[in-house]
Amino acid sequence: MGCVATTACLLAMMFATQSSTSLPWVFPGDFRERMRISDLVVSGTIEDTSALGVEIVDHTELAGNVARIRIDRVFQGPRVEELQFKWFKYHATTEGGIVYSGPPFADFRPRKRYLIFLKQEISGCVVAMPLYALEIELAPTPPSNALRDLSEAPSEQRYEALAEELETAALLVPPPQPGLTGNAATYFPAVFDLLGGCAEPFYGRFLSSPSSELRGAAQRWLSLIRSRHMTCKAAITPTLH
């Protein structure tokens, strides 16, 4: 077989015996940076994933895994139908676990559809950045009439298609419980990075949410667009109006 998840969330994991840990990787601050560090950007459904064992990556012990994905869209890199790639979990070397605050860790689950960022190495494909969750969970199927192969498309057209995928996924997230912002808001930074002022209609969709926290999150992004006097100058086709 050939080679072929924005603002980072904070996690805290505390156990009976605690030790602090620092990791050598820097989570991309901008969504487009994920594409710049990747050889292949695809969407597809994970068929299965299995453990490979412990290995050293950038002087850090990680638990290697291999996943098989059925690809439905290519945004960057060669067109492929199916592939396997290596990804990593954290390997705790101390009893009782660690205290950690940083980006979320990768967690590929079978039968879930993701946007995935990969690098091509001699041994095959591997996630573009070890351990961290660059992948983003998507809707179960692509948007209707979606182009399958955008690898040769202009950058703005690819950004539009990626944003449409993220918007579709966000709008399928159920309303959060009272007091919580919910998962839909985790898509907000990436859509802004991709569309800028053209993301305004997307955020507007959440102003009628029953969740005051989610409405507030959407309003903050709208306020940012307006405070910067950002307009939708690019010739981007509206996706989810």
C-alpha atoms as a PDB file:
ATOM      1  CA  MET A   1       0.000   0.000   0.000  1.00  0.00           C
ATOM      2  CA  GLY A   2       1.381   3.408  -0.938  1.00  0.00           C
ATOM      3  CA  CYS A   3       1.740   6.520   1.101  1.00  0.00           C
ATOM      4  CA  VAL A   4      -0.094   7.594   0.863  1.00  0.00           C
ATOM      5  CA  ALA A   5      -7.500  18.981  13.718  1.00  0.00           C
ATOM      6  CA  THR A   6      -7.218  26.337  15.305  1.00  0.00           C
ATOM      7  CA  THR A   7      -6.383  27.610  18.641  1.00  0.00           C
ATOM      8  CA  ALA A   8      -4.880  24.838  20.725  1.00  0.00           C
ATOM      9  CA  CYS A   9      -7.046  23.468  23.511  1.00  0.00           C
ATOM     10  CA  LEU A  10      -5.718  23.124  27.018  1.00  0.00           C
ATOM     11  CA  LEU A  11      -5.661  19.730  28.610  1.00  0.00           C
ATOM     12  CA  ALA A  12      -4.862  18.786  32.149  1.00  0.00           C
ATOM     13  CA  MET A  13      -4.118  15.233  33.199  1.00  0.00           C
ATOM     14  CA  MET A  14      -3.445  14.699  36.873  1.00  0.00           C
ATOM     15  CA  PHE A  15      -2.876  11.388  38.611  1.00  0.00           C
ATOM     16  CA  ALA A  16      -1.880  10.170  42.059  1.00  0.00           C
ATOM     17  CA  THR A  17       1.833  10.335  41.313  1.00  0.00           C
ATOM     18  CA  GLN A  18       2.579  13.381  39.189  1.00  0.00           C
ATOM     19  CA  SER A  19       5.502  14.567  37.097  1.00  0.00           C
ATOM     20  CA  SER A  20       5.639  17.500  34.706  1.00  0.00           C
ATOM     21  CA  THR A  21       6.602  17.054  31.080  1.00  0.00           C
ATOM     22  CA  SER A  22       7.637  19.301  28.223  1.00  0.00           C
ATOM     23  CA  LEU A  23       7.456  18.336  24.579  1.00  0.00           C
ATOM     24  CA  PRO A  24       9.670  19.497  21.685  1.00  0.00           C
ATOM     25  CA  TRP A  25       6.964  20.384  19.145  1.00  0.00           C
ATOM     26  CA  VAL A  26       5.227  23.717  18.606  1.00  0.00           C
ATOM     27  CA  PHE A  27       1.570  23.497  17.629  1.00  0.00           C
ATOM     28  CA  PRO A  28       0.806  25.593  14.505  1.00  0.00           C
ATOM     29  CA  GLY A  29      -0.701  28.934  15.446  1.00  0.00           C
ATOM     30  CA  ASP A  30      -2.485  29.361  12.121  1.00  0.00           C
ATOM     31  CA  PHE A  31      -4.550  26.787  10.249  1.00  0.00           C
ATOM     32  CA  ARG A  32      -2.746  27.468   6.970  1.00  0.00           C
ATOM     33  CA  GLU A  33       0.526  26.563   8.678  1.00  0.00           C
ATOM     34  CA  ARG A  34      -0.749  22.995   8.929  1.00  0.00           C
ATOM     35  CA  MET A  35      -0.841  22.888   5.144  1.00  0.00           C
ATOM     36  CA  ARG A  36       2.615  24.449   4.791  1.00  0.00           C
ATOM     37  CA  ILE A  37       4.219  21.736   6.922  1.00  0.00           C
ATOM     38  CA  SER A  38       2.369  18.916   5.109  1.00  0.00           C
ATOM     39  CA  ASP A  39       3.082  17.007   1.897  1.00  0.00           C
ATOM     40  CA  LEU A  40      -0.407  15.559   1.753  1.00  0.00           C
ATOM     41  CA  VAL A  41      -3.736  16.953   3.009  1.00  0.00           C
ATOM     42  CA  VAL A  42      -6.724  14.638   2.596  1.00  0.00           C
ATOM     43  CA  SER A  43     -10.106  13.852   4.041  1.00  0.00           C
ATOM     44  CA  GLY A  44     -11.403  10.361   4.575  1.00  0.00           C
ATOM     45  CA  THR A  45     -12.722   7.714   6.937  1.00  0.00           C
ATOM     46  CA  ILE A  46     -10.465   5.724   9.252  1.00  0.00           C
ATOM     47  CA  GLU A  47     -10.966   2.010   8.614  1.00  0.00           C
ATOM     48  CA  ASP A  48      -8.815   0.695  11.450  1.00  0.00           C
ATOM     49  CA  THR A  49      -5.838   1.567  13.607  1.00  0.00           C
ATOM     50  CA  SER A  50      -3.379  -0.649  15.502  1.00  0.00           C
ATOM     51  CA  ALA A  51      -0.395  -0.294  17.809  1.00  0.00           C
ATOM     52  CA  LEU A  52       3.193  -0.569  16.548  1.00  0.00           C
ATOM     53  CA  GLY A  53       5.117  -0.216  19.803  1.00  0.00           C
ATOM     54  CA  VAL A  54       7.272   2.384  21.505  1.00  0.00           C
ATOM     55  CA  GLU A  55       9.741   4.427  19.457  1.00  0.00           C
ATOM     56  CA  ILE A  56      11.900   7.512  19.894  1.00  0.00           C
ATOM     57  CA  VAL A  57      10.772  10.609  17.997  1.00  0.00           C
ATOM     58  CA  ASP A  58      12.795  13.828  18.472  1.00  0.00           C
ATOM     59  CA  HIS A  59      14.323  12.358  21.661  1.00  0.00           C
ATOM     60  CA  THR A  60      10.850  11.613  23.064  1.00  0.00           C
ATOM     61  CA  GLU A  61       9.346   8.178  23.705  1.00  0.00           C
ATOM     62  CA  LEU A  62       6.023   7.832  21.896  1.00  0.00           C
ATOM     63  CA  ALA A  63       3.653   4.951  21.240  1.00  0.00           C
ATOM     64  CA  GLY A  64       3.536   4.405  17.477  1.00  0.00           C
ATOM     65  CA  ASN A  65       0.311   3.424  15.722  1.00  0.00           C
ATOM     66  CA  VAL A  66      -0.666   2.738  12.124  1.00  0.00           C
ATOM     67  CA  ALA A  67      -4.045   3.689  10.655  1.00  0.00           C
ATOM     68  CA  ARG A  68      -5.702   2.836   7.349  1.00  0.00           C
ATOM     69  CA  ILE A  69      -7.854   5.500   5.746  1.00  0.00           C
ATOM     70  CA  ARG A  70     -10.289   5.426   2.840  1.00  0.00           C
ATOM     71  CA  ILE A  71      -9.797   8.781   1.123  1.00  0.00           C
ATOM     72  CA  ASP A  72     -12.655  10.765  -0.388  1.00  0.00           C
ATOM     73  CA  ARG A  73     -10.973  14.131  -1.120  1.00  0.00           C
ATOM     74  CA  VAL A  74      -7.434  15.384  -1.790  1.00  0.00           C
ATOM     75  CA  PHE A  75      -6.621  19.007  -0.976  1.00  0.00           C
ATOM     76  CA  GLN A  76      -2.849  18.823  -1.366  1.00  0.00           C
ATOM     77  CA  GLY A  77      -0.466  16.216  -2.771  1.00  0.00           C
ATOM     78  CA  PRO A  78      -0.953  13.228  -5.105  1.00  0.00           C
ATOM     79  CA  ARG A  79      -4.364  11.714  -5.687  1.00  0.00           C
ATOM     80  CA  VAL A  80      -4.834   8.442  -3.804  1.00  0.00           C
ATOM     81  CA  GLU A  81      -7.753   6.180  -2.937  1.00  0.00           C
ATOM     82  CA  GLU A  82      -6.532   4.484   0.216  1.00  0.00           C
ATOM     83  CA  LEU A  83      -3.395   4.567   2.313  1.00  0.00           C
ATOM     84  CA  GLN A  84      -1.917   3.858   5.695  1.00  0.00           C
ATOM     85  CA  PHE A  85      -0.043   6.306   7.895  1.00  0.00           C
ATOM     86  CA  LYS A  86       1.758   6.360  11.195  1.00  0.00           C
ATOM     87  CA  TRP A  87       0.536   8.410  14.148  1.00  0.00           C
ATOM     88  CA  PHE A  88       1.497   8.635  17.791  1.00  0.00           C
ATOM     89  CA  LYS A  89       0.141   8.517  21.315  1.00  0.00           C
ATOM     90  CA  TYR A  90       1.947   9.722  24.415  1.00  0.00           C
ATOM     91  CA  HIS A  91       3.958   7.045  26.177  1.00  0.00           C
ATOM     92  CA  ALA A  92       4.103   7.691  29.909  1.00  0.00           C
ATOM     93  CA  THR A  93       7.441   6.659  31.381  1.00  0.00           C
ATOM     94  CA  THR A  94       6.564   7.386  35.019  1.00  0.00           C
ATOM     95  CA  GLU A  95       4.148   5.539  37.264  1.00  0.00           C
ATOM     96  CA  GLY A  96       0.953   7.419  37.982  1.00  0.00           C
ATOM     97  CA  GLY A  97       1.004   9.582  34.834  1.00  0.00           C
ATOM     98  CA  ILE A  98       1.894  13.202  34.175  1.00  0.00           C
ATOM     99  CA  VAL A  99       0.739  16.757  34.604  1.00  0.00           C
ATOM    100  CA  TYR A 100       0.267  18.207  31.140  1.00  0.00           C
ATOM    101  CA  SER A 101      -1.056  21.481  29.786  1.00  0.00           C
ATOM    102  CA  GLY A 102      -0.903  21.988  26.045  1.00  0.00           C
ATOM    103  CA  PRO A 103      -2.454  21.079  22.691  1.00  0.00           C
ATOM    104  CA  PRO A 104      -4.724  18.028  22.537  1.00  0.00           C
ATOM    105  CA  PHE A 105      -3.228  14.699  21.564  1.00  0.00           C
ATOM    106  CA  ALA A 106      -4.110  12.839  18.363  1.00  0.00           C
ATOM    107  CA  ASP A 107      -6.890  10.281  18.683  1.00  0.00           C
ATOM    108  CA  PHE A 108      -7.900   8.596  15.434  1.00  0.00           C
ATOM    109  CA  ARG A 109     -11.034   6.477  15.804  1.00  0.00           C
ATOM    110  CA  PRO A 110     -12.336   3.893  13.311  1.00  0.00           C
ATOM    111  CA  ARG A 111     -15.401   4.845  11.247  1.00  0.00           C
ATOM    112  CA  LYS A 112     -14.810   8.545  11.875  1.00  0.00           C
ATOM    113  CA  ARG A 113     -14.063  10.938   9.027  1.00  0.00           C
ATOM    114  CA  TYR A 114     -11.182  13.407   9.419  1.00  0.00           C
ATOM    115  CA  LEU A 115      -9.181  16.082   7.680  1.00  0.00           C
ATOM    116  CA  ILE A 116      -5.613  14.772   7.983  1.00  0.00           C
ATOM    117  CA  PHE A 117      -2.192  16.362   7.480  1.00  0.00           C
ATOM    118  CA  LEU A 118       0.670  14.037   6.477  1.00  0.00           C
ATOM    119  CA  LYS A 119       4.323  14.020   5.537  1.00  0.00           C
ATOM    120  CA  GLN A 120       5.943  11.607   3.104  1.00  0.00           C
ATOM    121  CA  GLU A 121       8.982   9.772   4.472  1.00  0.00           C
ATOM    122  CA  ILE A 122      11.078   6.967   2.989  1.00  0.00           C
ATOM    123  CA  SER A 123       9.188   4.419   5.087  1.00  0.00           C
ATOM    124  CA  GLY A 124       5.761   5.804   4.181  1.00  0.00           C
ATOM    125  CA  CYS A 125       3.352   8.426   5.420  1.00  0.00           C
ATOM    126  CA  VAL A 126       3.384   9.886   8.917  1.00  0.00           C
ATOM    127  CA  VAL A 127       1.388  12.639  10.575  1.00  0.00           C
ATOM    128  CA  ALA A 128       2.824  16.095   9.832  1.00  0.00           C
ATOM    129  CA  MET A 129       3.530  16.682  13.520  1.00  0.00           C
ATOM    130  CA  PRO A 130       4.017  13.945  16.115  1.00  0.00           C
ATOM    131  CA  LEU A 131       1.558  13.457  18.968  1.00  0.00           C
ATOM    132  CA  TYR A 132      -0.519  16.637  18.613  1.00  0.00           C
ATOM    133  CA  ALA A 133      -4.012  16.564  17.110  1.00  0.00           C
ATOM    134  CA  LEU A 134      -3.614  18.431  13.836  1.00  0.00           C
ATOM    135  CA  GLU A 135      -6.466  16.346  12.438  1.00  0.00           C
ATOM    136  CA  ILE A 136     -10.024  17.673  12.528  1.00  0.00           C
ATOM    137  CA  GLU A 137     -13.124  15.521  12.715  1.00  0.00           C
ATOM    138  CA  LEU A 138     -15.485  16.166   9.798  1.00  0.00           C
ATOM    139  CA  ALA A 139     -19.049  15.335   8.824  1.00  0.00           C
ATOM    140  CA  PRO A 140     -19.595  11.663   7.891  1.00  0.00           C
ATOM    141  CA  THR A 141     -19.734  12.501   4.168  1.00  0.00           C
ATOM    142  CA  PRO A 142     -18.348  15.333   1.997  1.00  0.00           C
ATOM    143  CA  PRO A 143     -20.585  18.294   1.112  1.00  0.00           C
ATOM    144  CA  SER A 144     -22.843  17.721  -1.867  1.00  0.00           C
ATOM    145  CA  ASN A 145     -21.207  18.319  -5.258  1.00  0.00           C
ATOM    146  CA  ALA A 146     -17.775  18.552  -3.587  1.00  0.00           C
ATOM    147  CA  LEU A 147     -14.764  18.280  -5.895  1.00  0.00           C
ATOM    148  CA  ARG A 148     -12.730  15.193  -5.094  1.00  0.00           C
ATOM    149  CA  ASP A 149      -9.306  16.368  -6.263  1.00  0.00           C
ATOM    150  CA  LEU A 150      -8.260  19.935  -5.431  1.00  0.00           C
ATOM    151  CA  SER A 151      -4.514  19.300  -5.423  1.00  0.00           C
ATOM    152  CA  GLU A 152      -3.997  21.446  -8.533  1.00  0.00           C
ATOM    153  CA  ALA A 153      -6.621  24.072  -7.672  1.00  0.00           C
ATOM    154  CA  PRO A 154      -5.670  27.662  -6.769  1.00  0.00           C
ATOM    155  CA  SER A 155      -4.991  28.231  -3.072  1.00  0.00           C
ATOM    156  CA  GLU A 156      -8.121  30.299  -2.493  1.00  0.00           C
ATOM    157  CA  GLN A 157     -10.315  27.582  -3.995  1.00  0.00           C
ATOM    158  CA  ARG A 158      -8.730  25.004  -1.701  1.00  0.00           C
ATOM    159  CA  TYR A 159      -9.221  27.275   1.315  1.00  0.00           C
ATOM    160  CA  GLU A 160     -12.878  27.694   0.361  1.00  0.00           C
ATOM    161  CA  ALA A 161     -13.359  23.923   0.071  1.00  0.00           C
ATOM    162  CA  LEU A 162     -11.631  23.295   3.398  1.00  0.00           C
ATOM    163  CA  ALA A 163     -13.739  25.966   5.094  1.00  0.00           C
ATOM    164  CA  GLU A 164     -16.904  24.400   3.675  1.00  0.00           C
ATOM    165  CA  GLU A 165     -15.908  21.065   5.220  1.00  0.00           C
ATOM    166  CA  LEU A 166     -15.314  22.716   8.595  1.00  0.00           C
ATOM    167  CA  GLU A 167     -18.526  24.741   8.435  1.00  0.00           C
ATOM    168  CA  THR A 168     -20.529  21.623   7.604  1.00  0.00           C
ATOM    169  CA  ALA A 169     -19.020  19.762  10.549  1.00  0.00           C
ATOM    170  CA  ALA A 170     -19.578  22.657  12.965  1.00  0.00           C
ATOM    171  CA  LEU A 171     -23.220  23.058  11.999  1.00  0.00           C
ATOM    172  CA  LEU A 172     -23.853  19.353  12.693  1.00  0.00           C
ATOM    173  CA  VAL A 173     -22.624  19.594  16.289  1.00  0.00           C
ATOM    174  CA  PRO A 174     -25.556  19.404  18.750  1.00  0.00           C
ATOM    175  CA  PRO A 175     -26.170  22.439  21.014  1.00  0.00           C
ATOM    176  CA  PRO A 176     -23.951  22.296  24.091  1.00  0.00           C
ATOM    177  CA  GLN A 177     -25.153  21.769  27.625  1.00  0.00           C
ATOM    178  CA  PRO A 178     -25.868  24.921  29.683  1.00  0.00           C
ATOM    179  CA  GLY A 179     -22.681  26.679  30.746  1.00  0.00           C
ATOM    180  CA  LEU A 180     -20.544  25.161  27.995  1.00  0.00           C
ATOM    181  CA  THR A 181     -19.438  26.566  24.659  1.00  0.00           C
ATOM    182  CA  GLY A 182     -19.429  23.157  23.018  1.00  0.00           C
ATOM    183  CA  ASN A 183     -17.464  21.592  20.195  1.00  0.00           C
ATOM    184  CA  ALA A 184     -18.874  23.743  17.377  1.00  0.00           C
ATOM    185  CA  ALA A 185     -16.750  26.671  18.573  1.00  0.00           C
ATOM    186  CA  THR A 186     -13.558  24.643  18.103  1.00  0.00           C
ATOM    187  CA  TYR A 187     -14.024  25.094  14.347  1.00  0.00           C
ATOM    188  CA  PHE A 188     -14.269  28.905  14.577  1.00  0.00           C
ATOM    189  CA  PRO A 189     -10.516  29.778  14.531  1.00  0.00           C
ATOM    190  CA  ALA A 190      -9.747  27.568  11.518  1.00  0.00           C
ATOM    191  CA  VAL A 191     -12.604  29.018   9.452  1.00  0.00           C
ATOM    192  CA  PHE A 192     -11.339  32.515  10.259  1.00  0.00           C
ATOM    193  CA  ASP A 193      -7.784  31.577   9.223  1.00  0.00           C
ATOM    194  CA  LEU A 194      -9.076  30.233   5.906  1.00  0.00           C
ATOM    195  CA  LEU A 195     -11.682  32.843   4.982  1.00  0.00           C
ATOM    196  CA  GLY A 196     -10.990  36.012   6.967  1.00  0.00           C
ATOM    197  CA  GLY A 197     -13.856  38.451   6.473  1.00  0.00           C
ATOM    198  CA  CYS A 198     -15.698  35.937   4.285  1.00  0.00           C
ATOM    199  CA  ALA A 199     -16.352  33.875   7.434  1.00  0.00           C
ATOM    200  CA  GLU A 200     -18.879  36.436   8.716  1.00  0.00           C
ATOM    201  CA  PRO A 201     -22.007  34.604   7.420  1.00  0.00           C
ATOM    202  CA  PHE A 202     -20.789  31.390   9.036  1.00  0.00           C
ATOM    203  CA  TYR A 203     -20.513  32.936  12.496  1.00  0.00           C
ATOM    204  CA  GLY A 204     -23.889  34.573  11.984  1.00  0.00           C
ATOM    205  CA  ARG A 205     -25.469  31.127  11.802  1.00  0.00           C
ATOM    206  CA  PHE A 206     -24.697  30.639  15.500  1.00  0.00           C
ATOM    207  CA  LEU A 207     -26.243  33.893  16.757  1.00  0.00           C
ATOM    208  CA  SER A 208     -29.573  32.084  17.036  1.00  0.00           C
ATOM    209  CA  SER A 209     -28.120  29.181  19.027  1.00  0.00           C
ATOM    210  CA  PRO A 210     -30.000  28.300  22.238  1.00  0.00           C
ATOM    211  CA  SER A 211     -26.616  28.367  24.000  1.00  0.00           C
ATOM    212  CA  SER A 212     -25.645  31.825  25.255  1.00  0.00           C
ATOM    213  CA  GLU A 213     -22.022  30.686  25.484  1.00  0.00           C
ATOM    214  CA  LEU A 214     -21.949  29.584  21.843  1.00  0.00           C
ATOM    215  CA  ARG A 215     -23.704  32.785  20.756  1.00  0.00           C
ATOM    216  CA  GLY A 216     -21.090  34.752  22.657  1.00  0.00           C
ATOM    217  CA  ALA A 217     -18.222  32.875  21.016  1.00  0.00           C
ATOM    218  CA  ALA A 218     -19.654  33.562  17.564  1.00  0.00           C
ATOM    219  CA  GLN A 219     -20.192  37.216  18.413  1.00  0.00           C
ATOM    220  CA  ARG A 220     -16.564  37.601  19.478  1.00  0.00           C
ATOM    221  CA  TRP A 221     -15.375  36.381  16.070  1.00  0.00           C
ATOM    222  CA  LEU A 222     -17.809  38.719  14.338  1.00  0.00           C
ATOM    223  CA  SER A 223     -16.546  41.584  16.472  1.00  0.00           C
ATOM    224  CA  LEU A 224     -12.968  40.735  15.518  1.00  0.00           C
ATOM    225  CA  ILE A 225     -13.834  40.846  11.812  1.00  0.00           C
ATOM    226  CA  ARG A 226     -15.617  44.157  12.196  1.00  0.00           C
ATOM    227  CA  SER A 227     -12.977  45.740  14.430  1.00  0.00           C
ATOM    228  CA  ARG A 228     -10.380  45.009  11.756  1.00  0.00           C
ATOM    229  CA  HIS A 229     -12.705  46.296   9.025  1.00  0.00           C
ATOM    230  CA  MET A 230     -12.279  43.009   7.185  1.00  0.00           C
ATOM    231  CA  THR A 231     -14.422  42.489   4.103  1.00  0.00           C
ATOM    232  CA  CYS A 232     -15.008  39.564   1.780  1.00  0.00           C
ATOM    233  CA  LYS A 233     -12.942  40.768  -1.166  1.00  0.00           C
ATOM    234  CA  ALA A 234     -11.978  37.358  -2.525  1.00  0.00           C
ATOM    235  CA  ALA A 235     -14.148  35.748  -5.156  1.00  0.00           C
ATOM    236  CA  ILE A 236     -15.233  32.958  -2.874  1.00  0.00           C
ATOM    237  CA  THR A 237     -18.522  31.219  -3.531  1.00  0.00           C
ATOM    238  CA  PRO A 238     -20.805  31.220  -0.449  1.00  0.00           C
ATOM    239  CA  THR A 239     -20.899  27.725   0.952  1.00  0.00           C
ATOM    240  CA  LEU A 240     -23.547  27.406   3.629  1.00  0.00           C
ATOM    241  CA  HIS A 241     -25.855  30.403   3.423  1.00  0.00           C
END
